[in-house]
N, C-alpha and C. Protein backbone atom coordinates (compact mmCIF):
# COMPACT_ATOMS: atom_id res chain seq x y z
N UNK A 1 -13.89 -1.46 4.99
CA UNK A 1 -13.53 -1.68 3.97
C UNK A 1 -12.36 -3.24 4.28
N UNK A 2 -12.17 -3.36 3.57
CA UNK A 2 -11.34 -4.52 3.58
C UNK A 2 -10.20 -4.80 2.13
N UNK A 3 -9.54 -6.14 2.53
CA UNK A 3 -8.00 -5.68 1.97
C UNK A 3 -7.89 -7.14 0.95
N UNK A 4 -7.52 -6.78 0.10
CA UNK A 4 -7.51 -7.64 -1.46
C UNK A 4 -5.48 -8.01 -1.83
N UNK A 5 -5.51 -8.67 -1.14
CA UNK A 5 -3.87 -8.87 -1.78
C UNK A 5 -3.46 -9.71 -3.00
N UNK A 6 -3.23 -9.08 -4.17
CA UNK A 6 -2.91 -9.72 -5.35
C UNK A 6 -1.66 -10.56 -5.32
N UNK A 7 -1.85 -11.51 -6.31
CA UNK A 7 -0.39 -12.69 -6.08
C UNK A 7 1.19 -12.00 -5.85
N UNK A 8 0.80 -11.33 -6.93
CA UNK A 8 2.38 -10.01 -7.16
C UNK A 8 2.39 -9.10 -5.58
N UNK A 9 1.14 -8.62 -5.16
CA UNK A 9 1.59 -8.40 -3.93
C UNK A 9 2.26 -9.11 -2.82
N UNK A 10 2.01 -9.91 -2.72
CA UNK A 10 2.22 -11.28 -1.84
C UNK A 10 3.32 -12.18 -2.08
N UNK A 11 4.05 -12.22 -3.56
CA UNK A 11 5.30 -12.09 -3.92
C UNK A 11 5.93 -11.46 -3.38
N UNK A 12 5.66 -10.12 -3.68
CA UNK A 12 6.86 -8.82 -2.88
C UNK A 12 6.80 -8.85 -1.69
N UNK A 13 5.92 -9.49 -0.74
CA UNK A 13 5.81 -9.12 0.25
C UNK A 13 6.71 -9.79 1.21
N UNK A 14 7.00 -11.13 0.47
CA UNK A 14 7.88 -12.43 0.89
C UNK A 14 8.91 -11.72 1.08
N UNK A 15 9.33 -11.00 -0.21
CA UNK A 15 10.84 -10.55 -0.75
C UNK A 15 11.33 -9.34 0.95
N UNK A 16 10.04 -8.34 1.46
CA UNK A 16 10.71 -7.70 2.78
C UNK A 16 11.37 -7.72 3.60
N UNK A 17 12.13 -7.06 4.06
CA UNK A 17 12.64 -7.31 5.39
C UNK A 17 11.69 -7.62 6.59
N UNK A 18 11.83 -8.24 7.16
CA UNK A 18 11.11 -8.27 8.54
C UNK A 18 10.39 -6.72 9.06
N UNK A 19 11.63 -6.06 9.17
CA UNK A 19 11.57 -4.75 9.55
C UNK A 19 10.22 -3.89 9.14
N UNK A 20 10.52 -4.01 7.58
CA UNK A 20 9.72 -3.37 6.87
C UNK A 20 8.19 -3.93 7.08
N UNK A 21 8.26 -5.03 6.66
CA UNK A 21 6.94 -5.30 7.13
C UNK A 21 5.80 -5.76 7.96
N UNK A 22 7.10 -4.95 9.44
CA UNK A 22 6.13 -4.62 10.73
C UNK A 22 5.52 -2.95 10.05
N UNK A 23 6.24 -2.51 9.63
CA UNK A 23 6.17 -1.27 9.37
C UNK A 23 5.23 -1.08 8.30
N UNK A 24 4.75 -2.07 7.27
CA UNK A 24 4.08 -2.19 6.30
C UNK A 24 2.58 -2.78 6.71
N UNK A 25 2.83 -3.41 7.83
CA UNK A 25 1.30 -4.07 8.70
C UNK A 25 0.79 -2.92 9.31
N UNK A 26 1.09 -2.25 9.79
CA UNK A 26 0.87 -0.69 10.84
C UNK A 26 0.38 0.19 9.58
N UNK A 27 1.30 0.52 8.15
CA UNK A 27 0.51 1.40 7.17
C UNK A 27 -0.66 0.79 6.88
N UNK A 28 -0.82 -0.82 6.63
CA UNK A 28 -2.28 -1.01 6.07
C UNK A 28 -2.93 -1.14 6.98
N UNK A 29 -2.94 -1.32 8.33
CA UNK A 29 -4.16 -0.95 9.48
C UNK A 29 -4.86 0.55 9.31
N UNK A 30 -3.62 0.79 9.42
CA UNK A 30 -4.10 2.94 8.91
C UNK A 30 -5.08 3.31 7.78
N UNK A 31 -4.20 2.45 6.69
CA UNK A 31 -5.30 2.50 5.71
C UNK A 31 -6.63 2.73 5.78
N UNK A 32 -6.95 1.23 6.38
CA UNK A 32 -8.16 0.26 6.43
C UNK A 32 -8.87 1.03 7.62
N UNK A 33 -8.28 1.69 8.58
CA UNK A 33 -9.38 2.76 9.77
C UNK A 33 -8.95 4.12 8.86
N UNK A 34 -8.34 4.86 8.24
CA UNK A 34 -8.10 5.97 7.38
C UNK A 34 -7.15 6.44 6.66
N UNK A 35 -7.95 6.44 5.29
CA UNK A 35 -7.22 6.67 4.41
C UNK A 35 -6.41 7.88 3.95
N UNK A 36 -6.98 8.94 5.00
CA UNK A 36 -6.53 10.12 4.77
C UNK A 36 -5.09 10.21 6.16
N UNK A 37 -4.71 9.19 6.71
CA UNK A 37 -4.18 9.41 7.67
C UNK A 37 -2.37 10.06 7.20
N UNK A 38 -2.35 11.28 7.80
CA UNK A 38 -0.79 11.83 7.19
C UNK A 38 0.38 10.87 7.24
N UNK A 39 0.40 10.11 8.14
CA UNK A 39 1.94 9.35 7.76
C UNK A 39 2.11 8.42 6.26
N UNK A 40 0.42 8.21 6.24
CA UNK A 40 0.21 7.36 4.55
C UNK A 40 0.97 8.17 3.26
N UNK A 41 0.37 9.44 3.93
CA UNK A 41 0.65 10.48 2.37
C UNK A 41 0.02 10.08 1.07
N UNK A 42 -1.27 9.37 1.35
CA UNK A 42 -1.94 8.48 -0.28
C UNK A 42 -2.46 9.45 -1.42
N UNK A 43 -2.19 9.10 -2.50
CA UNK A 43 -2.21 9.98 -3.35
C UNK A 43 -2.53 9.04 -4.51
N UNK A 44 -3.46 9.56 -5.56
CA UNK A 44 -3.62 9.00 -7.14
C UNK A 44 -2.40 9.24 -7.58
N UNK A 45 -1.39 8.05 -8.44
CA UNK A 45 -0.54 7.95 -8.82
C UNK A 45 -0.77 7.84 -10.50
N UNK A 46 -2.09 7.54 -10.59
CA UNK A 46 -2.36 7.25 -12.05
C UNK A 46 -3.91 7.12 -11.92
N UNK A 47 -4.18 8.46 -13.04
CA UNK A 47 -5.77 8.83 -13.46
C UNK A 47 -6.78 7.77 -14.11
N UNK A 48 -5.98 7.26 -15.01
CA UNK A 48 -6.75 6.78 -15.30
C UNK A 48 -6.82 5.26 -15.06
N UNK A 49 -5.61 4.44 -14.36
CA UNK A 49 -5.77 2.97 -13.95
C UNK A 49 -6.62 3.50 -12.72
N UNK A 50 -6.56 4.67 -11.97
CA UNK A 50 -7.37 4.75 -10.31
C UNK A 50 -6.56 3.89 -9.57
N UNK A 51 -4.94 4.45 -9.66
CA UNK A 51 -3.98 3.48 -8.99
C UNK A 51 -3.46 4.56 -8.10
N UNK A 52 -3.36 4.18 -6.26
CA UNK A 52 -3.16 4.88 -5.17
C UNK A 52 -1.86 4.36 -5.22
N UNK A 53 -1.01 5.58 -4.25
CA UNK A 53 0.04 5.27 -3.92
C UNK A 53 0.15 5.69 -2.30
N UNK A 54 0.52 4.85 -1.33
CA UNK A 54 0.57 5.12 0.18
C UNK A 54 1.80 5.09 0.51
N UNK A 55 2.53 5.55 1.54
CA UNK A 55 3.89 5.60 2.03
C UNK A 55 3.57 4.58 3.82
N UNK A 56 4.83 3.29 3.31
CA UNK A 56 5.07 2.43 4.42
C UNK A 56 6.42 3.20 5.37
N UNK A 57 7.02 3.75 4.98
CA UNK A 57 8.40 4.63 5.34
C UNK A 57 9.12 5.64 4.15
N UNK A 58 9.94 5.90 4.67
CA UNK A 58 10.50 7.55 4.14
C UNK A 58 11.06 6.09 2.38
N UNK A 59 11.36 4.98 2.51
CA UNK A 59 11.79 4.50 1.27
C UNK A 59 11.17 3.28 0.76
N UNK A 60 10.05 3.43 1.38
CA UNK A 60 8.91 1.79 0.98
C UNK A 60 7.53 2.61 0.56
N UNK A 61 7.04 1.91 -0.42
CA UNK A 61 5.37 2.55 -0.49
C UNK A 61 5.01 1.21 -1.25
N UNK A 62 3.44 1.48 -0.94
CA UNK A 62 2.27 0.35 -1.52
C UNK A 62 1.31 0.93 -2.44
N UNK A 63 1.01 0.20 -3.50
CA UNK A 63 0.12 0.88 -4.55
C UNK A 63 -1.18 -0.33 -4.50
N UNK A 64 -2.25 0.65 -4.64
CA UNK A 64 -3.52 -0.02 -4.94
C UNK A 64 -4.83 0.57 -5.30
N UNK A 65 -5.77 -0.09 -5.52
CA UNK A 65 -6.46 0.74 -6.21
C UNK A 65 -8.02 0.69 -4.95
N UNK A 66 -8.92 1.14 -5.54
CA UNK A 66 -10.15 0.89 -4.70
C UNK A 66 -11.36 0.19 -5.23
N UNK A 67 -11.97 -0.88 -5.04
CA UNK A 67 -13.21 -0.93 -5.81
C UNK A 67 -14.00 -1.77 -4.99
N UNK A 68 -15.30 -1.28 -5.15
CA UNK A 68 -16.39 -1.23 -4.37
C UNK A 68 -16.37 -0.77 -3.23
N UNK A 69 -16.17 -1.70 -2.01
CA UNK A 69 -15.82 -1.80 -0.44
C UNK A 69 -14.24 -2.79 -0.18
N UNK A 70 -13.65 -2.43 -1.13
CA UNK A 70 -12.24 -3.45 -0.65
C UNK A 70 -11.05 -1.92 -1.77
N UNK A 71 -10.01 -2.41 -0.78
CA UNK A 71 -8.73 -2.08 -1.11
C UNK A 71 -7.48 -3.09 -1.86
N UNK A 72 -7.16 -3.20 -3.14
CA UNK A 72 -6.79 -4.07 -3.53
C UNK A 72 -5.55 -3.42 -3.77
N UNK A 73 -4.67 -4.56 -2.89
CA UNK A 73 -3.12 -4.24 -2.94
C UNK A 73 -2.43 -4.95 -3.87
N UNK A 74 -1.72 -3.95 -5.07
CA UNK A 74 -1.06 -4.09 -6.56
C UNK A 74 0.31 -4.35 -5.65
N UNK A 75 1.18 -3.76 -5.21
CA UNK A 75 2.19 -3.87 -5.59
C UNK A 75 3.03 -3.47 -4.32
N UNK A 76 4.21 -3.63 -3.69
CA UNK A 76 4.90 -2.77 -2.57
C UNK A 76 6.35 -3.08 -2.72
N UNK A 77 7.11 -1.99 -2.26
CA UNK A 77 8.32 -2.30 -2.71
C UNK A 77 9.18 -1.08 -2.50
N UNK A 78 10.43 -0.91 -2.54
CA UNK A 78 11.40 0.66 -2.59
C UNK A 78 11.01 1.12 -3.35
N UNK A 79 11.00 2.57 -2.95
CA UNK A 79 10.34 3.72 -3.67
C UNK A 79 11.73 3.89 -4.33
N UNK A 80 11.79 4.44 -5.53
CA UNK A 80 12.60 5.33 -6.02
C UNK A 80 12.84 6.12 -6.23
N UNK A 81 14.65 6.72 -5.67
CA UNK A 81 14.58 8.45 -5.98
C UNK A 81 15.20 8.90 -6.71
């Protein structure tokens, strides 16, 4: 699988603190190797649009779609409490 970053994802990525970016890079590597890795807690959050959510850490999430052989990264940011 490969990662495709949307323009929106790229803009949001630039806003992240450096520490969160490092954690997010690790989470994205885990996504490529094993979407079911327990630390990701990946799940579908929108059945109709087939949008998935995965965990960066306790306070940050990223959203993506799976199409063909790629993960389309849609958004990343703080998780509302």
